[in-house]
Amino acid sequence: MLDHPPSSLKYASPLSLRTTFRTYFADKEAYTNPYRLWNLDVFDYEIYGTIPFLLARRAETIVGAFWLTQNSLRCTKTIYQDHLPP
């Protein structure tokens, strides 16, 4: 599990992305929808040429999601109770 994937989305979000649904009682600021990454014109926004890419890191690992297609990529961030910092 990655604690703080950075925000590189079109719309304003905190630098440390919020979870996309509540998994424990303290997560009061969770978003209700997954993050969506597109590589096409969606809802009349001119975003041609973008590369939907999400990168997250922690001390021992780095993961990324790269989606180069005309379909959207939906990313969900979840923090489980046993992964909370002490």
N, C-alpha and C. Protein backbone atom coordinates (compact mmCIF):
# COMPACT_ATOMS: atom_id res chain seq x y z
N MET A 1 0.84 -1.18 0.00
CA MET A 1 0.00 0.00 0.00
C MET A 1 0.88 1.24 0.00
N LEU A 2 0.48 2.20 -0.77
CA LEU A 2 1.21 3.45 -0.84
C LEU A 2 0.47 4.51 -0.06
N ASP A 3 1.19 5.22 0.76
CA ASP A 3 0.55 6.17 1.66
C ASP A 3 0.19 7.49 0.99
N HIS A 4 1.05 8.00 0.12
CA HIS A 4 0.84 9.34 -0.41
C HIS A 4 1.12 9.42 -1.91
N PRO A 5 0.23 8.92 -2.77
CA PRO A 5 0.46 9.15 -4.20
C PRO A 5 0.25 10.63 -4.52
N PRO A 6 1.14 11.25 -5.28
CA PRO A 6 1.02 12.68 -5.56
C PRO A 6 -0.11 12.98 -6.53
N SER A 7 -0.63 14.16 -6.48
CA SER A 7 -1.73 14.58 -7.36
C SER A 7 -1.17 15.22 -8.61
N SER A 8 -1.55 14.69 -9.77
CA SER A 8 -1.16 15.29 -11.03
C SER A 8 -2.39 15.39 -11.93
N LEU A 9 -3.53 15.59 -11.35
CA LEU A 9 -4.78 15.58 -12.08
C LEU A 9 -5.15 16.96 -12.57
N LYS A 10 -6.10 17.02 -13.50
CA LYS A 10 -6.49 18.29 -14.10
C LYS A 10 -7.17 19.21 -13.10
N TYR A 11 -7.96 18.66 -12.22
CA TYR A 11 -8.69 19.47 -11.26
C TYR A 11 -7.95 19.51 -9.93
N ALA A 12 -8.19 20.53 -9.17
CA ALA A 12 -7.46 20.74 -7.92
C ALA A 12 -7.77 19.63 -6.92
N SER A 13 -6.72 19.07 -6.38
CA SER A 13 -6.79 18.08 -5.32
C SER A 13 -5.59 18.32 -4.41
N PRO A 14 -5.65 17.84 -3.19
CA PRO A 14 -4.46 17.95 -2.35
C PRO A 14 -3.30 17.19 -2.98
N LEU A 15 -2.08 17.59 -2.67
CA LEU A 15 -0.92 16.91 -3.23
C LEU A 15 -0.91 15.44 -2.85
N SER A 16 -1.27 15.14 -1.62
CA SER A 16 -1.44 13.75 -1.21
C SER A 16 -2.91 13.41 -1.46
N LEU A 17 -3.17 12.58 -2.45
CA LEU A 17 -4.54 12.31 -2.87
C LEU A 17 -5.38 11.73 -1.73
N ARG A 18 -6.62 12.16 -1.66
CA ARG A 18 -7.55 11.62 -0.67
C ARG A 18 -8.01 10.24 -1.12
N THR A 19 -8.47 9.46 -0.16
CA THR A 19 -9.03 8.16 -0.52
C THR A 19 -10.31 8.37 -1.30
N THR A 20 -10.72 7.36 -2.05
CA THR A 20 -11.90 7.51 -2.89
C THR A 20 -13.14 6.84 -2.31
N PHE A 21 -13.02 6.17 -1.21
CA PHE A 21 -14.17 5.74 -0.42
C PHE A 21 -13.70 5.44 0.98
N ARG A 22 -14.62 5.51 1.92
CA ARG A 22 -14.26 5.38 3.33
C ARG A 22 -14.02 3.92 3.69
N THR A 23 -12.88 3.68 4.32
CA THR A 23 -12.57 2.32 4.78
C THR A 23 -12.40 2.26 6.28
N TYR A 24 -12.37 3.40 6.92
CA TYR A 24 -12.28 3.44 8.38
C TYR A 24 -12.94 4.73 8.86
N PHE A 25 -13.32 4.78 10.10
CA PHE A 25 -14.16 5.87 10.61
C PHE A 25 -13.51 7.24 10.53
N ALA A 26 -12.19 7.35 10.55
CA ALA A 26 -11.52 8.66 10.57
C ALA A 26 -11.40 9.30 9.19
N ASP A 27 -11.80 8.59 8.15
CA ASP A 27 -11.63 9.07 6.78
C ASP A 27 -12.82 9.92 6.37
N LYS A 28 -12.96 11.11 6.95
CA LYS A 28 -14.13 11.96 6.72
C LYS A 28 -14.04 12.75 5.42
N GLU A 29 -12.84 12.87 4.83
CA GLU A 29 -12.67 13.67 3.63
C GLU A 29 -12.53 12.82 2.37
N ALA A 30 -12.99 11.60 2.40
CA ALA A 30 -12.87 10.73 1.24
C ALA A 30 -13.74 11.23 0.09
N TYR A 31 -13.21 11.10 -1.12
CA TYR A 31 -14.01 11.40 -2.31
C TYR A 31 -14.95 10.22 -2.56
N THR A 32 -16.04 10.48 -3.27
CA THR A 32 -17.01 9.41 -3.51
C THR A 32 -16.81 8.73 -4.86
N ASN A 33 -16.00 9.29 -5.74
CA ASN A 33 -15.75 8.70 -7.06
C ASN A 33 -14.26 8.42 -7.22
N PRO A 34 -13.92 7.43 -8.06
CA PRO A 34 -12.50 7.19 -8.32
C PRO A 34 -11.88 8.32 -9.13
N TYR A 35 -10.56 8.44 -9.07
CA TYR A 35 -9.87 9.39 -9.93
C TYR A 35 -9.90 8.84 -11.34
N ARG A 36 -10.15 9.70 -12.32
CA ARG A 36 -10.22 9.26 -13.71
C ARG A 36 -9.14 9.94 -14.53
N LEU A 37 -8.42 9.15 -15.30
CA LEU A 37 -7.38 9.66 -16.17
C LEU A 37 -7.78 9.38 -17.61
N TRP A 38 -7.74 10.39 -18.46
CA TRP A 38 -8.15 10.26 -19.85
C TRP A 38 -7.03 10.62 -20.81
N ASN A 39 -7.11 10.11 -22.03
CA ASN A 39 -6.20 10.50 -23.09
C ASN A 39 -7.01 10.87 -24.33
N LEU A 40 -8.14 11.48 -24.15
CA LEU A 40 -8.98 11.90 -25.25
C LEU A 40 -9.83 13.09 -24.81
N ASP A 41 -10.58 13.64 -25.73
CA ASP A 41 -11.43 14.78 -25.43
C ASP A 41 -12.68 14.27 -24.71
N VAL A 42 -12.85 14.68 -23.45
CA VAL A 42 -13.97 14.23 -22.65
C VAL A 42 -14.79 15.43 -22.21
N PHE A 43 -16.07 15.39 -22.46
CA PHE A 43 -16.98 16.44 -22.02
C PHE A 43 -16.54 17.82 -22.50
N ASP A 44 -16.10 17.89 -23.73
CA ASP A 44 -15.74 19.15 -24.39
C ASP A 44 -14.52 19.84 -23.81
N TYR A 45 -13.72 19.17 -23.00
CA TYR A 45 -12.46 19.75 -22.54
C TYR A 45 -11.37 19.39 -23.54
N GLU A 46 -10.52 20.34 -23.86
CA GLU A 46 -9.44 20.09 -24.80
C GLU A 46 -8.23 19.55 -24.05
N ILE A 47 -8.16 18.25 -23.93
CA ILE A 47 -7.04 17.65 -23.23
C ILE A 47 -6.28 16.69 -24.13
N TYR A 48 -6.33 16.91 -25.44
CA TYR A 48 -5.57 16.07 -26.36
C TYR A 48 -4.08 16.19 -26.05
N GLY A 49 -3.37 15.11 -26.19
CA GLY A 49 -1.95 15.12 -25.97
C GLY A 49 -1.54 14.86 -24.53
N THR A 50 -2.49 14.70 -23.65
CA THR A 50 -2.14 14.37 -22.27
C THR A 50 -1.79 12.89 -22.17
N ILE A 51 -1.00 12.55 -21.21
CA ILE A 51 -0.66 11.15 -20.97
C ILE A 51 -1.12 10.81 -19.56
N PRO A 52 -2.18 10.03 -19.43
CA PRO A 52 -2.69 9.66 -18.10
C PRO A 52 -1.67 8.80 -17.37
N PHE A 53 -1.06 9.36 -16.35
CA PHE A 53 0.00 8.67 -15.62
C PHE A 53 -0.11 9.02 -14.14
N LEU A 54 -0.09 8.02 -13.32
CA LEU A 54 -0.13 8.21 -11.88
C LEU A 54 1.05 7.47 -11.28
N LEU A 55 1.83 8.15 -10.47
CA LEU A 55 3.00 7.56 -9.84
C LEU A 55 2.89 7.75 -8.33
N ALA A 56 3.19 6.70 -7.60
CA ALA A 56 3.14 6.76 -6.14
C ALA A 56 4.37 6.07 -5.58
N ARG A 57 4.85 6.58 -4.45
CA ARG A 57 6.05 5.99 -3.86
C ARG A 57 5.96 5.95 -2.34
N ARG A 58 6.74 5.09 -1.78
CA ARG A 58 7.03 5.06 -0.36
C ARG A 58 8.45 4.56 -0.22
N ALA A 59 8.96 4.43 0.97
CA ALA A 59 10.39 4.15 1.17
C ALA A 59 10.86 2.89 0.45
N GLU A 60 10.05 1.84 0.44
CA GLU A 60 10.53 0.57 -0.11
C GLU A 60 9.97 0.21 -1.49
N THR A 61 9.08 1.02 -2.06
CA THR A 61 8.52 0.66 -3.36
C THR A 61 8.00 1.87 -4.12
N ILE A 62 7.92 1.74 -5.43
CA ILE A 62 7.32 2.74 -6.30
C ILE A 62 6.41 2.01 -7.28
N VAL A 63 5.21 2.52 -7.49
CA VAL A 63 4.30 1.95 -8.48
C VAL A 63 3.77 3.06 -9.36
N GLY A 64 3.35 2.69 -10.56
CA GLY A 64 2.78 3.67 -11.47
C GLY A 64 1.68 3.05 -12.31
N ALA A 65 0.78 3.88 -12.78
CA ALA A 65 -0.27 3.47 -13.70
C ALA A 65 -0.15 4.35 -14.94
N PHE A 66 0.03 3.73 -16.09
CA PHE A 66 0.17 4.43 -17.36
C PHE A 66 -0.89 3.88 -18.30
N TRP A 67 -1.72 4.74 -18.87
CA TRP A 67 -2.84 4.29 -19.68
C TRP A 67 -2.85 5.08 -20.98
N LEU A 68 -2.31 4.49 -22.04
CA LEU A 68 -2.24 5.16 -23.34
C LEU A 68 -3.22 4.49 -24.28
N THR A 69 -4.48 4.87 -24.17
CA THR A 69 -5.55 4.33 -24.99
C THR A 69 -6.68 5.33 -25.01
N GLN A 70 -7.69 5.08 -25.81
CA GLN A 70 -8.80 6.03 -25.85
C GLN A 70 -9.79 5.83 -24.71
N ASN A 71 -9.61 4.80 -23.93
CA ASN A 71 -10.49 4.56 -22.79
C ASN A 71 -9.97 5.28 -21.55
N SER A 72 -10.82 5.44 -20.58
CA SER A 72 -10.40 6.10 -19.34
C SER A 72 -9.83 5.08 -18.36
N LEU A 73 -9.03 5.57 -17.42
CA LEU A 73 -8.47 4.75 -16.35
C LEU A 73 -9.02 5.29 -15.04
N ARG A 74 -9.61 4.43 -14.26
CA ARG A 74 -10.15 4.84 -12.96
C ARG A 74 -9.26 4.30 -11.86
N CYS A 75 -8.77 5.19 -11.03
CA CYS A 75 -7.87 4.83 -9.93
C CYS A 75 -8.57 5.04 -8.61
N THR A 76 -8.53 4.03 -7.77
CA THR A 76 -9.12 4.11 -6.45
C THR A 76 -8.02 4.05 -5.41
N LYS A 77 -8.06 4.97 -4.45
CA LYS A 77 -7.09 4.96 -3.35
C LYS A 77 -7.81 4.52 -2.09
N THR A 78 -7.25 3.53 -1.43
CA THR A 78 -7.84 2.98 -0.22
C THR A 78 -6.76 2.86 0.85
N ILE A 79 -7.09 3.19 2.07
CA ILE A 79 -6.20 2.95 3.21
C ILE A 79 -6.97 2.06 4.18
N TYR A 80 -6.41 0.90 4.48
CA TYR A 80 -7.06 -0.02 5.40
C TYR A 80 -6.57 0.21 6.82
N GLN A 81 -7.37 -0.17 7.78
CA GLN A 81 -7.09 0.08 9.19
C GLN A 81 -5.71 -0.42 9.60
N ASP A 82 -5.30 -1.59 9.11
CA ASP A 82 -4.00 -2.13 9.52
C ASP A 82 -2.82 -1.45 8.83
N HIS A 83 -3.07 -0.52 7.88
CA HIS A 83 -2.00 0.22 7.22
C HIS A 83 -1.90 1.66 7.70
N LEU A 84 -2.66 2.03 8.71
CA LEU A 84 -2.60 3.39 9.22
C LEU A 84 -1.31 3.61 10.00
N PRO A 85 -0.75 4.82 9.93
CA PRO A 85 0.44 5.09 10.73
C PRO A 85 0.11 5.04 12.22
N PRO A 86 1.09 4.70 13.05
CA PRO A 86 0.82 4.59 14.50
C PRO A 86 0.51 5.94 15.11
